[in-house]
Amino acid sequence: MKNFMNIGLKASAVLFSTAVLVACSNEQDPGLEYAPDMYHSVPLDPYSQIKDNKFNPGGMNMRQPAPGTVARGKQGYNLYLSTDTAEVAGVELLNPLERTEKNLAEGKILYTRFCSPCHGEAGDGQGLVGQKFKGVPSYTAGRVASLPGGHIYHVITNGRGRMMPHGSQVDPNERWKIVMYVQQLQKGETGTTVDAAATETADTTATATETATPKN
């Protein structure tokens, strides 16, 4: 009986070793898959492609968007800047949102949540992070005080210098609301009251500019 058990154990060890060697012989072959539908999407999933797609050009599931289109949730941002820089964005991008007290108040909330730790509640660069890591600029000083909205939007989206991108944290509409409030801070104001006369003047200027430069 003991000899029989020893033989069984040795046979099991041999079979297990053989299975391991065979399974690891080809790193590209995952081996037998149980219920493959659990691993691979039946629909044409753009991020998981295991065979050529006979319906799309090039055999790919992913396709280029139609020229001139804007993806859902990306409205208000020109994806076709002549040059993808903050400076060009400052010239070619205009805030598509109306300057209202509601948008300005929401922009202040979003600014406080995402920006004030570095830039400070007053935009003076004296947030808790800004105090520890020096060099965060004040919105009311120097070149930063006159940065246009499109430039600010581009920096929020893509980051610049030590500032990391925030495009994954705030959607396009939220970014424009933050821009609206940052422009308030550029004037040294932290309120959310809208001056009707100033808004009317800004709208007139924006309309004249939009004639030559589309928003989207």
Protein backbone atom coordinates (compact mmCIF):
# COMPACT_ATOMS: atom_id res chain seq x y z
CA MET A 1 0.00 0.00 0.00
CA LYS A 2 2.84 2.35 0.88
CA ASN A 3 4.61 1.62 -2.41
CA PHE A 4 1.38 2.34 -4.29
CA MET A 5 1.05 5.71 -2.61
CA ASN A 6 4.67 6.58 -3.40
CA ILE A 7 4.12 5.72 -7.05
CA GLY A 8 0.96 7.85 -7.11
CA LEU A 9 2.76 10.84 -5.61
CA LYS A 10 5.64 10.53 -8.07
CA ALA A 11 3.24 10.25 -10.99
CA SER A 12 1.36 13.33 -9.81
CA ALA A 13 4.60 15.28 -9.50
CA VAL A 14 5.63 14.30 -13.02
CA LEU A 15 2.25 15.27 -14.46
CA PHE A 16 2.27 18.61 -12.62
CA SER A 17 5.80 19.43 -13.78
CA THR A 18 4.89 18.56 -17.37
CA ALA A 19 1.81 20.75 -17.23
CA VAL A 20 3.84 23.68 -15.91
CA LEU A 21 6.49 23.31 -18.60
CA VAL A 22 3.92 23.05 -21.38
CA ALA A 23 1.88 26.00 -20.07
CA CYS A 24 4.97 28.25 -19.91
CA SER A 25 6.43 27.23 -23.26
CA ASN A 26 4.68 30.05 -25.15
CA GLU A 27 4.28 33.38 -23.37
CA GLN A 28 1.93 34.66 -26.10
CA ASP A 29 -0.52 31.77 -25.72
CA PRO A 30 -2.87 32.15 -22.74
CA GLY A 31 -3.80 28.47 -22.97
CA LEU A 32 -7.32 27.15 -22.73
CA GLU A 33 -9.82 29.77 -21.61
CA TYR A 34 -12.98 28.81 -19.80
CA ALA A 35 -15.98 30.90 -20.89
CA PRO A 36 -13.95 33.33 -23.10
CA ASP A 37 -16.96 35.67 -23.34
CA MET A 38 -16.15 36.63 -19.76
CA TYR A 39 -12.75 37.91 -20.89
CA HIS A 40 -13.36 39.29 -24.37
CA SER A 41 -16.19 41.65 -25.25
CA VAL A 42 -18.59 40.41 -27.92
CA PRO A 43 -19.27 44.00 -29.14
CA LEU A 44 -16.56 45.93 -30.98
CA ASP A 45 -14.73 47.24 -27.94
CA PRO A 46 -12.16 49.89 -28.98
CA TYR A 47 -9.85 49.06 -26.06
CA SER A 48 -9.91 45.26 -26.41
CA GLN A 49 -9.35 43.89 -29.90
CA ILE A 50 -8.36 40.28 -30.50
CA LYS A 51 -9.05 39.96 -34.24
CA ASP A 52 -9.39 42.12 -37.35
CA ASN A 53 -12.56 44.16 -37.68
CA LYS A 54 -14.02 43.55 -41.14
CA PHE A 55 -16.36 46.53 -40.90
CA ASN A 56 -13.89 49.38 -40.29
CA PRO A 57 -11.00 50.65 -42.42
CA GLY A 58 -7.64 49.22 -41.41
CA GLY A 59 -9.30 46.39 -39.49
CA MET A 60 -9.36 48.45 -36.27
CA ASN A 61 -12.20 48.87 -33.80
CA MET A 62 -11.11 52.42 -33.00
CA ARG A 63 -11.86 55.05 -35.62
CA GLN A 64 -10.87 58.67 -36.09
CA PRO A 65 -13.70 61.12 -35.27
CA ALA A 66 -15.32 62.87 -38.21
CA PRO A 67 -13.61 66.18 -39.04
CA GLY A 68 -15.08 69.14 -37.19
CA THR A 69 -16.96 67.06 -34.62
CA VAL A 70 -16.72 67.50 -30.85
CA ALA A 71 -16.99 64.54 -28.50
CA ARG A 72 -19.77 64.52 -25.94
CA GLY A 73 -18.68 66.35 -22.80
CA LYS A 74 -15.91 68.20 -24.65
CA GLN A 75 -17.94 71.18 -25.76
CA GLY A 76 -16.38 74.58 -25.31
CA TYR A 77 -12.86 73.44 -26.14
CA ASN A 78 -11.40 73.83 -29.59
CA LEU A 79 -9.76 70.47 -30.29
CA TYR A 80 -8.25 71.87 -33.46
CA LEU A 81 -6.05 74.70 -32.24
CA SER A 82 -3.70 75.93 -34.93
CA THR A 83 -0.90 75.18 -32.44
CA ASP A 84 -1.54 73.31 -29.20
CA THR A 85 -0.03 75.80 -26.77
CA ALA A 86 -1.43 77.93 -23.96
CA GLU A 87 -0.41 81.09 -25.80
CA VAL A 88 -2.36 80.15 -28.92
CA ALA A 89 -5.30 78.97 -26.81
CA GLY A 90 -5.35 82.41 -25.22
CA VAL A 91 -6.00 83.90 -28.65
CA GLU A 92 -8.25 81.25 -30.21
CA LEU A 93 -10.40 80.11 -27.26
CA LEU A 94 -13.31 82.05 -25.82
CA ASN A 95 -15.39 81.12 -22.80
CA PRO A 96 -18.67 79.67 -24.18
CA LEU A 97 -20.48 80.10 -20.84
CA GLU A 98 -22.48 83.18 -19.99
CA ARG A 99 -21.03 85.28 -17.20
CA THR A 100 -23.73 84.91 -14.56
CA GLU A 101 -23.66 84.95 -10.79
CA LYS A 102 -24.62 81.26 -10.78
CA ASN A 103 -21.68 80.25 -13.01
CA LEU A 104 -19.34 82.52 -11.09
CA ALA A 105 -20.44 81.06 -7.74
CA GLU A 106 -19.96 77.51 -9.03
CA GLY A 107 -16.56 78.53 -10.35
CA LYS A 108 -15.61 79.79 -6.90
CA ILE A 109 -16.63 76.47 -5.32
CA LEU A 110 -14.61 74.51 -7.89
CA TYR A 111 -11.64 76.88 -7.49
CA THR A 112 -11.70 76.46 -3.72
CA ARG A 113 -11.80 72.69 -4.09
CA PHE A 114 -9.15 72.17 -6.75
CA CYS A 115 -7.01 75.31 -6.96
CA SER A 116 -6.87 77.11 -3.61
CA PRO A 117 -4.53 74.58 -1.91
CA CYS A 118 -1.76 75.95 -4.13
CA HIS A 119 -3.01 79.33 -5.36
CA GLY A 120 -4.70 80.45 -2.15
CA GLU A 121 -8.28 81.53 -1.60
CA ALA A 122 -7.48 85.04 -2.79
CA GLY A 123 -5.33 83.87 -5.71
CA ASP A 124 -2.18 85.25 -4.08
CA GLY A 125 -0.20 81.98 -4.30
CA GLN A 126 -0.29 81.55 -0.53
CA GLY A 127 -2.28 78.33 -0.22
CA LEU A 128 -0.97 75.68 2.18
CA VAL A 129 0.91 73.98 -0.66
CA GLY A 130 2.06 77.31 -2.10
CA GLN A 131 3.55 78.30 1.25
CA LYS A 132 5.59 75.10 1.40
CA PHE A 133 6.64 74.97 -2.25
CA LYS A 134 7.52 78.53 -3.16
CA GLY A 135 7.01 79.99 -6.60
CA VAL A 136 3.22 79.81 -7.05
CA PRO A 137 2.38 83.11 -8.79
CA SER A 138 -0.20 85.64 -7.67
CA TYR A 139 -3.03 86.29 -10.11
CA THR A 140 -2.78 90.04 -9.55
CA ALA A 141 0.93 90.43 -10.25
CA GLY A 142 2.92 90.77 -13.44
CA ARG A 143 2.14 88.81 -16.59
CA VAL A 144 -0.29 86.46 -14.83
CA ALA A 145 -2.68 89.33 -14.09
CA SER A 146 -3.41 89.79 -17.80
CA LEU A 147 -3.57 86.18 -18.98
CA PRO A 148 -6.66 85.61 -21.19
CA GLY A 149 -9.29 83.00 -20.39
CA GLY A 150 -8.25 80.57 -23.13
CA HIS A 151 -4.69 80.50 -21.78
CA ILE A 152 -5.94 79.74 -18.27
CA TYR A 153 -8.23 77.03 -19.62
CA HIS A 154 -5.37 75.35 -21.48
CA VAL A 155 -3.17 75.32 -18.38
CA ILE A 156 -5.99 73.83 -16.26
CA THR A 157 -6.46 71.11 -18.87
CA ASN A 158 -2.85 70.24 -19.66
CA GLY A 159 -0.84 71.65 -16.77
CA ARG A 160 2.32 73.72 -17.01
CA GLY A 161 5.62 73.70 -15.19
CA ARG A 162 5.11 72.18 -11.75
CA MET A 163 1.33 72.32 -12.11
CA MET A 164 -0.07 68.94 -13.13
CA PRO A 165 -2.99 68.58 -15.58
CA HIS A 166 -6.48 68.80 -14.08
CA GLY A 167 -8.34 67.72 -17.21
CA SER A 168 -9.30 64.40 -15.65
CA GLN A 169 -10.67 66.07 -12.51
CA VAL A 170 -12.88 68.81 -13.94
CA ASP A 171 -14.91 68.58 -17.14
CA PRO A 172 -14.79 71.34 -19.80
CA ASN A 173 -17.77 73.28 -18.43
CA GLU A 174 -16.31 73.19 -14.92
CA ARG A 175 -12.96 74.42 -16.25
CA TRP A 176 -14.61 77.40 -17.90
CA LYS A 177 -16.38 78.23 -14.64
CA ILE A 178 -13.04 78.11 -12.84
CA VAL A 179 -11.57 80.37 -15.54
CA MET A 180 -14.43 82.80 -14.96
CA TYR A 181 -13.63 82.98 -11.25
CA VAL A 182 -9.85 83.18 -11.79
CA GLN A 183 -10.45 86.21 -13.98
CA GLN A 184 -12.35 87.68 -11.06
CA LEU A 185 -9.30 87.06 -8.85
CA GLN A 186 -7.07 88.71 -11.46
CA LYS A 187 -8.94 91.92 -10.64
CA GLY A 188 -8.38 91.36 -6.92
CA GLU A 189 -12.02 90.47 -6.29
CA THR A 190 -13.27 87.36 -4.48
CA GLY A 191 -16.99 88.04 -4.79
CA THR A 192 -19.43 86.46 -7.23
CA THR A 193 -21.52 89.52 -8.06
CA VAL A 194 -21.76 90.28 -11.77
CA ASP A 195 -21.54 93.86 -12.97
CA ALA A 196 -24.20 94.11 -15.70
CA ALA A 197 -22.49 97.03 -17.46
CA ALA A 198 -19.12 95.27 -17.54
CA THR A 199 -20.74 92.06 -18.78
CA GLU A 200 -22.46 93.91 -21.63
CA THR A 201 -19.12 95.41 -22.70
CA ALA A 202 -17.41 92.01 -22.54
CA ASP A 203 -20.18 90.41 -24.59
CA THR A 204 -19.78 93.07 -27.29
CA THR A 205 -16.03 92.46 -27.46
CA ALA A 206 -16.50 88.69 -27.54
CA THR A 207 -19.04 88.95 -30.37
CA ALA A 208 -16.62 90.96 -32.47
CA THR A 209 -13.83 88.45 -31.83
CA GLU A 210 -16.03 85.41 -32.51
CA THR A 211 -16.58 86.65 -36.05
CA ALA A 212 -12.97 85.73 -36.82
CA THR A 213 -12.37 82.97 -34.27
CA PRO A 214 -14.93 80.18 -33.65
CA LYS A 215 -15.29 78.73 -30.16
CA ASN A 216 -15.31 75.11 -31.30
